[in-house]
Amino acid sequence: MYNKKIPIDTTCGFRIAIEVMGGKWKPYIIYELLDDSKRPSELQRLIPGASERVLAQQLKELTEYGVVEKKVIDSVAKHTEYSLTDLGRSLIPIIEQLRDWGNDFRPQLEKILDGKMA
């Protein structure tokens, strides 16, 4: 794992959670892995705004923290799949609450955005 210049403050649960789940694409990755394991190319299609490099880096971090499991499938065409671990599945209620909050906030955001467009 990348050695950060500023060490992680392990005395604060919020900072730990942000360290593990923070990042532009990590919540999306966790959300897309809710129901089934996915290949990196599938995740790339499902999260089109994320570059391949950034997606790989964030998958690596999630794997190092034990949130996601990487499985190399050695069949005719060798490939990799990612799935949530038990620890990753424990984040599902949080991810679903974020989604629900976003859905509830949508009308207000649309009004805000409409006001800026006028």
N, C-alpha and C. Protein backbone atom coordinates (compact mmCIF):
# COMPACT_ATOMS: atom_id res chain seq x y z
N MET A 1 0.84 -1.18 0.00
CA MET A 1 0.00 0.00 0.00
C MET A 1 0.88 1.24 0.00
N TYR A 2 0.37 2.26 -0.64
CA TYR A 2 1.06 3.55 -0.70
C TYR A 2 1.28 4.08 0.71
N ASN A 3 2.51 4.46 1.02
CA ASN A 3 2.81 5.04 2.33
C ASN A 3 2.51 6.53 2.28
N LYS A 4 1.48 6.92 3.00
CA LYS A 4 1.06 8.31 2.99
C LYS A 4 2.00 9.15 3.85
N LYS A 5 2.15 10.40 3.44
CA LYS A 5 3.01 11.31 4.19
C LYS A 5 2.41 11.63 5.55
N ILE A 6 1.08 11.71 5.61
CA ILE A 6 0.40 11.96 6.88
C ILE A 6 -0.22 10.63 7.31
N PRO A 7 0.18 10.11 8.47
CA PRO A 7 -0.36 8.82 8.90
C PRO A 7 -1.86 8.90 9.18
N ILE A 8 -2.52 7.75 9.07
CA ILE A 8 -3.95 7.67 9.33
C ILE A 8 -4.18 7.80 10.83
N ASP A 9 -5.11 8.65 11.20
CA ASP A 9 -5.49 8.82 12.60
C ASP A 9 -6.44 7.69 12.98
N THR A 10 -5.91 6.68 13.67
CA THR A 10 -6.73 5.52 14.03
C THR A 10 -7.51 5.73 15.32
N THR A 11 -7.44 6.93 15.88
CA THR A 11 -8.22 7.21 17.10
C THR A 11 -9.61 7.74 16.77
N CYS A 12 -9.86 8.02 15.50
CA CYS A 12 -11.13 8.63 15.09
C CYS A 12 -11.82 7.70 14.09
N GLY A 13 -12.97 7.15 14.49
CA GLY A 13 -13.71 6.23 13.64
C GLY A 13 -14.15 6.85 12.32
N PHE A 14 -14.52 8.13 12.36
CA PHE A 14 -14.93 8.80 11.14
C PHE A 14 -13.78 8.87 10.14
N ARG A 15 -12.61 9.23 10.62
CA ARG A 15 -11.44 9.31 9.73
C ARG A 15 -11.08 7.95 9.16
N ILE A 16 -11.23 6.91 9.97
CA ILE A 16 -10.97 5.55 9.47
C ILE A 16 -11.95 5.22 8.36
N ALA A 17 -13.24 5.50 8.58
CA ALA A 17 -14.26 5.21 7.57
C ALA A 17 -13.99 5.97 6.27
N ILE A 18 -13.62 7.24 6.39
CA ILE A 18 -13.32 8.04 5.20
C ILE A 18 -12.07 7.51 4.50
N GLU A 19 -11.09 7.06 5.25
CA GLU A 19 -9.88 6.48 4.66
C GLU A 19 -10.23 5.25 3.83
N VAL A 20 -11.09 4.40 4.37
CA VAL A 20 -11.43 3.15 3.69
C VAL A 20 -12.41 3.40 2.54
N MET A 21 -13.44 4.20 2.76
CA MET A 21 -14.50 4.39 1.76
C MET A 21 -14.34 5.65 0.93
N GLY A 22 -13.49 6.57 1.40
CA GLY A 22 -13.33 7.83 0.71
C GLY A 22 -12.65 7.66 -0.63
N GLY A 23 -12.88 8.57 -1.48
CA GLY A 23 -12.36 8.49 -2.84
C GLY A 23 -13.55 8.61 -3.76
N LYS A 24 -13.36 9.20 -4.87
CA LYS A 24 -14.47 9.50 -5.77
C LYS A 24 -15.22 8.25 -6.21
N TRP A 25 -14.53 7.14 -6.41
CA TRP A 25 -15.17 5.98 -7.03
C TRP A 25 -15.39 4.80 -6.09
N LYS A 26 -14.82 4.81 -4.89
CA LYS A 26 -14.97 3.66 -3.99
C LYS A 26 -16.42 3.34 -3.65
N PRO A 27 -17.25 4.33 -3.30
CA PRO A 27 -18.66 3.99 -3.04
C PRO A 27 -19.36 3.39 -4.26
N TYR A 28 -19.04 3.89 -5.46
CA TYR A 28 -19.61 3.32 -6.68
C TYR A 28 -19.19 1.86 -6.85
N ILE A 29 -17.92 1.59 -6.60
CA ILE A 29 -17.41 0.22 -6.73
C ILE A 29 -18.15 -0.70 -5.77
N ILE A 30 -18.26 -0.28 -4.52
CA ILE A 30 -18.95 -1.09 -3.51
C ILE A 30 -20.40 -1.30 -3.93
N TYR A 31 -21.05 -0.24 -4.40
CA TYR A 31 -22.45 -0.33 -4.84
C TYR A 31 -22.61 -1.33 -5.98
N GLU A 32 -21.71 -1.28 -6.94
CA GLU A 32 -21.82 -2.18 -8.11
C GLU A 32 -21.51 -3.63 -7.75
N LEU A 33 -20.83 -3.85 -6.64
CA LEU A 33 -20.52 -5.22 -6.21
C LEU A 33 -21.55 -5.77 -5.22
N LEU A 34 -22.62 -5.02 -4.95
CA LEU A 34 -23.62 -5.44 -3.96
C LEU A 34 -24.20 -6.83 -4.27
N ASP A 35 -24.55 -7.06 -5.52
CA ASP A 35 -25.27 -8.28 -5.87
C ASP A 35 -24.40 -9.41 -6.39
N ASP A 36 -23.28 -9.08 -6.99
CA ASP A 36 -22.51 -10.13 -7.65
C ASP A 36 -21.06 -9.67 -7.88
N SER A 37 -20.19 -10.64 -8.09
CA SER A 37 -18.81 -10.30 -8.42
C SER A 37 -18.76 -9.76 -9.84
N LYS A 38 -17.73 -8.96 -10.10
CA LYS A 38 -17.61 -8.33 -11.41
C LYS A 38 -16.15 -8.34 -11.86
N ARG A 39 -15.98 -8.41 -13.16
CA ARG A 39 -14.66 -8.24 -13.76
C ARG A 39 -14.35 -6.75 -13.83
N PRO A 40 -13.07 -6.39 -13.88
CA PRO A 40 -12.73 -4.97 -14.00
C PRO A 40 -13.38 -4.30 -15.21
N SER A 41 -13.47 -5.01 -16.33
CA SER A 41 -14.09 -4.43 -17.52
C SER A 41 -15.58 -4.15 -17.30
N GLU A 42 -16.26 -5.01 -16.53
CA GLU A 42 -17.67 -4.77 -16.21
C GLU A 42 -17.81 -3.52 -15.35
N LEU A 43 -16.94 -3.40 -14.35
CA LEU A 43 -16.97 -2.21 -13.50
C LEU A 43 -16.71 -0.95 -14.32
N GLN A 44 -15.80 -1.05 -15.27
CA GLN A 44 -15.48 0.10 -16.13
C GLN A 44 -16.72 0.53 -16.91
N ARG A 45 -17.49 -0.43 -17.41
CA ARG A 45 -18.72 -0.10 -18.15
C ARG A 45 -19.77 0.49 -17.22
N LEU A 46 -19.85 -0.02 -15.99
CA LEU A 46 -20.86 0.44 -15.04
C LEU A 46 -20.52 1.79 -14.42
N ILE A 47 -19.22 2.12 -14.41
CA ILE A 47 -18.76 3.38 -13.83
C ILE A 47 -17.96 4.11 -14.91
N PRO A 48 -18.64 4.62 -15.94
CA PRO A 48 -17.93 5.16 -17.10
C PRO A 48 -17.07 6.39 -16.82
N GLY A 49 -17.33 7.12 -15.76
CA GLY A 49 -16.55 8.31 -15.48
C GLY A 49 -15.18 8.02 -14.89
N ALA A 50 -14.97 6.79 -14.43
CA ALA A 50 -13.70 6.42 -13.79
C ALA A 50 -12.72 5.90 -14.84
N SER A 51 -11.51 6.41 -14.79
CA SER A 51 -10.50 5.89 -15.71
C SER A 51 -10.08 4.50 -15.26
N GLU A 52 -9.58 3.74 -16.18
CA GLU A 52 -9.13 2.37 -15.87
C GLU A 52 -8.06 2.38 -14.78
N ARG A 53 -7.15 3.33 -14.87
CA ARG A 53 -6.06 3.44 -13.89
C ARG A 53 -6.58 3.74 -12.49
N VAL A 54 -7.48 4.71 -12.37
CA VAL A 54 -8.02 5.09 -11.07
C VAL A 54 -8.87 3.97 -10.51
N LEU A 55 -9.66 3.33 -11.35
CA LEU A 55 -10.48 2.21 -10.91
C LEU A 55 -9.60 1.09 -10.36
N ALA A 56 -8.52 0.78 -11.05
CA ALA A 56 -7.59 -0.27 -10.59
C ALA A 56 -6.95 0.13 -9.26
N GLN A 57 -6.59 1.39 -9.13
CA GLN A 57 -5.95 1.86 -7.89
C GLN A 57 -6.93 1.77 -6.72
N GLN A 58 -8.18 2.18 -6.94
CA GLN A 58 -9.15 2.14 -5.86
C GLN A 58 -9.58 0.72 -5.53
N LEU A 59 -9.64 -0.16 -6.52
CA LEU A 59 -9.89 -1.58 -6.25
C LEU A 59 -8.75 -2.18 -5.43
N LYS A 60 -7.53 -1.78 -5.74
CA LYS A 60 -6.37 -2.27 -4.98
C LYS A 60 -6.47 -1.83 -3.52
N GLU A 61 -6.81 -0.57 -3.29
CA GLU A 61 -6.95 -0.07 -1.91
C GLU A 61 -8.06 -0.80 -1.18
N LEU A 62 -9.21 -0.98 -1.83
CA LEU A 62 -10.32 -1.69 -1.19
C LEU A 62 -9.93 -3.13 -0.88
N THR A 63 -9.13 -3.73 -1.74
CA THR A 63 -8.65 -5.10 -1.51
C THR A 63 -7.69 -5.13 -0.33
N GLU A 64 -6.78 -4.16 -0.27
CA GLU A 64 -5.81 -4.11 0.83
C GLU A 64 -6.50 -3.90 2.18
N TYR A 65 -7.59 -3.16 2.19
CA TYR A 65 -8.33 -2.93 3.44
C TYR A 65 -9.26 -4.09 3.78
N GLY A 66 -9.40 -5.05 2.87
CA GLY A 66 -10.23 -6.21 3.14
C GLY A 66 -11.70 -6.00 2.85
N VAL A 67 -12.05 -4.96 2.12
CA VAL A 67 -13.44 -4.67 1.77
C VAL A 67 -13.84 -5.47 0.53
N VAL A 68 -12.90 -5.65 -0.38
CA VAL A 68 -13.13 -6.34 -1.65
C VAL A 68 -12.14 -7.49 -1.75
N GLU A 69 -12.59 -8.56 -2.36
CA GLU A 69 -11.72 -9.72 -2.59
C GLU A 69 -11.45 -9.83 -4.08
N LYS A 70 -10.19 -10.07 -4.40
CA LYS A 70 -9.79 -10.26 -5.79
C LYS A 70 -9.59 -11.76 -6.02
N LYS A 71 -10.24 -12.26 -7.06
CA LYS A 71 -10.13 -13.68 -7.37
C LYS A 71 -9.66 -13.83 -8.81
N VAL A 72 -8.57 -14.56 -9.00
CA VAL A 72 -8.07 -14.83 -10.34
C VAL A 72 -8.67 -16.17 -10.77
N ILE A 73 -9.44 -16.16 -11.84
CA ILE A 73 -10.09 -17.34 -12.38
C ILE A 73 -9.17 -17.92 -13.45
N ASP A 74 -8.70 -19.11 -13.22
CA ASP A 74 -7.75 -19.74 -14.15
C ASP A 74 -8.51 -20.76 -14.99
N SER A 75 -9.19 -20.25 -16.00
CA SER A 75 -9.92 -21.11 -16.92
C SER A 75 -9.26 -21.00 -18.29
N VAL A 76 -9.99 -21.29 -19.32
CA VAL A 76 -9.44 -21.19 -20.68
C VAL A 76 -8.88 -19.80 -20.91
N ALA A 77 -9.67 -18.79 -20.55
CA ALA A 77 -9.22 -17.40 -20.65
C ALA A 77 -9.11 -16.86 -19.22
N LYS A 78 -7.89 -16.78 -18.73
CA LYS A 78 -7.65 -16.32 -17.36
C LYS A 78 -8.20 -14.90 -17.18
N HIS A 79 -8.94 -14.70 -16.08
CA HIS A 79 -9.46 -13.37 -15.79
C HIS A 79 -9.59 -13.15 -14.29
N THR A 80 -9.85 -11.90 -13.93
CA THR A 80 -9.95 -11.49 -12.54
C THR A 80 -11.37 -11.03 -12.25
N GLU A 81 -11.85 -11.37 -11.06
CA GLU A 81 -13.14 -10.89 -10.60
C GLU A 81 -13.00 -10.31 -9.21
N TYR A 82 -13.82 -9.32 -8.92
CA TYR A 82 -13.83 -8.70 -7.60
C TYR A 82 -15.21 -8.91 -6.97
N SER A 83 -15.21 -9.15 -5.67
CA SER A 83 -16.46 -9.30 -4.93
C SER A 83 -16.28 -8.71 -3.54
N LEU A 84 -17.41 -8.45 -2.88
CA LEU A 84 -17.35 -7.92 -1.53
C LEU A 84 -17.02 -9.02 -0.53
N THR A 85 -16.23 -8.69 0.45
CA THR A 85 -15.97 -9.58 1.57
C THR A 85 -17.08 -9.37 2.60
N ASP A 86 -17.03 -10.10 3.70
CA ASP A 86 -17.99 -9.86 4.78
C ASP A 86 -17.88 -8.42 5.28
N LEU A 87 -16.64 -7.94 5.39
CA LEU A 87 -16.44 -6.55 5.81
C LEU A 87 -17.07 -5.60 4.80
N GLY A 88 -16.89 -5.87 3.52
CA GLY A 88 -17.49 -5.04 2.47
C GLY A 88 -19.00 -5.08 2.53
N ARG A 89 -19.57 -6.27 2.77
CA ARG A 89 -21.03 -6.39 2.87
C ARG A 89 -21.57 -5.61 4.07
N SER A 90 -20.73 -5.43 5.10
CA SER A 90 -21.18 -4.65 6.26
C SER A 90 -21.37 -3.17 5.90
N LEU A 91 -20.84 -2.74 4.76
CA LEU A 91 -21.00 -1.35 4.30
C LEU A 91 -22.29 -1.15 3.49
N ILE A 92 -22.97 -2.23 3.15
CA ILE A 92 -24.18 -2.14 2.32
C ILE A 92 -25.21 -1.19 2.90
N PRO A 93 -25.55 -1.27 4.20
CA PRO A 93 -26.54 -0.32 4.72
C PRO A 93 -26.11 1.15 4.57
N ILE A 94 -24.84 1.41 4.70
CA ILE A 94 -24.33 2.78 4.55
C ILE A 94 -24.47 3.23 3.10
N ILE A 95 -24.08 2.38 2.18
CA ILE A 95 -24.17 2.69 0.75
C ILE A 95 -25.63 2.89 0.35
N GLU A 96 -26.52 2.04 0.85
CA GLU A 96 -27.94 2.18 0.53
C GLU A 96 -28.52 3.46 1.12
N GLN A 97 -28.07 3.86 2.32
CA GLN A 97 -28.53 5.12 2.90
C GLN A 97 -28.05 6.30 2.07
N LEU A 98 -26.82 6.26 1.58
CA LEU A 98 -26.32 7.33 0.72
C LEU A 98 -27.17 7.42 -0.56
N ARG A 99 -27.46 6.27 -1.15
CA ARG A 99 -28.30 6.25 -2.36
C ARG A 99 -29.68 6.84 -2.07
N ASP A 100 -30.29 6.41 -0.97
CA ASP A 100 -31.62 6.89 -0.62
C ASP A 100 -31.61 8.40 -0.34
N TRP A 101 -30.58 8.87 0.34
CA TRP A 101 -30.47 10.30 0.62
C TRP A 101 -30.38 11.07 -0.70
N GLY A 102 -29.58 10.56 -1.62
CA GLY A 102 -29.44 11.20 -2.93
C GLY A 102 -30.76 11.24 -3.68
N ASN A 103 -31.51 10.15 -3.62
CA ASN A 103 -32.82 10.12 -4.28
C ASN A 103 -33.78 11.13 -3.64
N ASP A 104 -33.75 11.25 -2.31
CA ASP A 104 -34.60 12.21 -1.61
C ASP A 104 -34.19 13.65 -1.93
N PHE A 105 -32.90 13.89 -2.11
CA PHE A 105 -32.38 15.23 -2.36
C PHE A 105 -32.53 15.66 -3.82
N ARG A 106 -32.78 14.70 -4.71
CA ARG A 106 -32.83 14.97 -6.15
C ARG A 106 -33.73 16.16 -6.51
N PRO A 107 -34.99 16.21 -6.02
CA PRO A 107 -35.84 17.36 -6.42
C PRO A 107 -35.24 18.70 -6.02
N GLN A 108 -34.67 18.78 -4.85
CA GLN A 108 -34.06 20.03 -4.40
C GLN A 108 -32.86 20.38 -5.27
N LEU A 109 -32.04 19.40 -5.59
CA LEU A 109 -30.87 19.64 -6.43
C LEU A 109 -31.29 20.08 -7.82
N GLU A 110 -32.34 19.47 -8.36
CA GLU A 110 -32.82 19.86 -9.68
C GLU A 110 -33.29 21.32 -9.68
N LYS A 111 -33.95 21.74 -8.60
CA LYS A 111 -34.37 23.15 -8.49
C LYS A 111 -33.15 24.07 -8.43
N ILE A 112 -32.16 23.68 -7.67
CA ILE A 112 -30.93 24.47 -7.56
C ILE A 112 -30.27 24.59 -8.93
N LEU A 113 -30.15 23.47 -9.62
CA LEU A 113 -29.51 23.46 -10.93
C LEU A 113 -30.33 24.24 -11.95
N ASP A 114 -31.66 24.14 -11.89
CA ASP A 114 -32.51 24.90 -12.80
C ASP A 114 -32.32 26.39 -12.57
N GLY A 115 -32.19 26.80 -11.32
CA GLY A 115 -31.99 28.20 -10.99
C GLY A 115 -30.68 28.75 -11.53
N LYS A 116 -29.65 27.91 -11.56
CA LYS A 116 -28.35 28.34 -12.09
C LYS A 116 -28.35 28.38 -13.61
N MET A 117 -29.21 27.58 -14.23
CA MET A 117 -29.27 27.54 -15.68
C MET A 117 -30.04 28.74 -16.25
N ALA A 118 -30.92 29.30 -15.44
CA ALA A 118 -31.77 30.41 -15.92
C ALA A 118 -31.02 31.71 -16.04
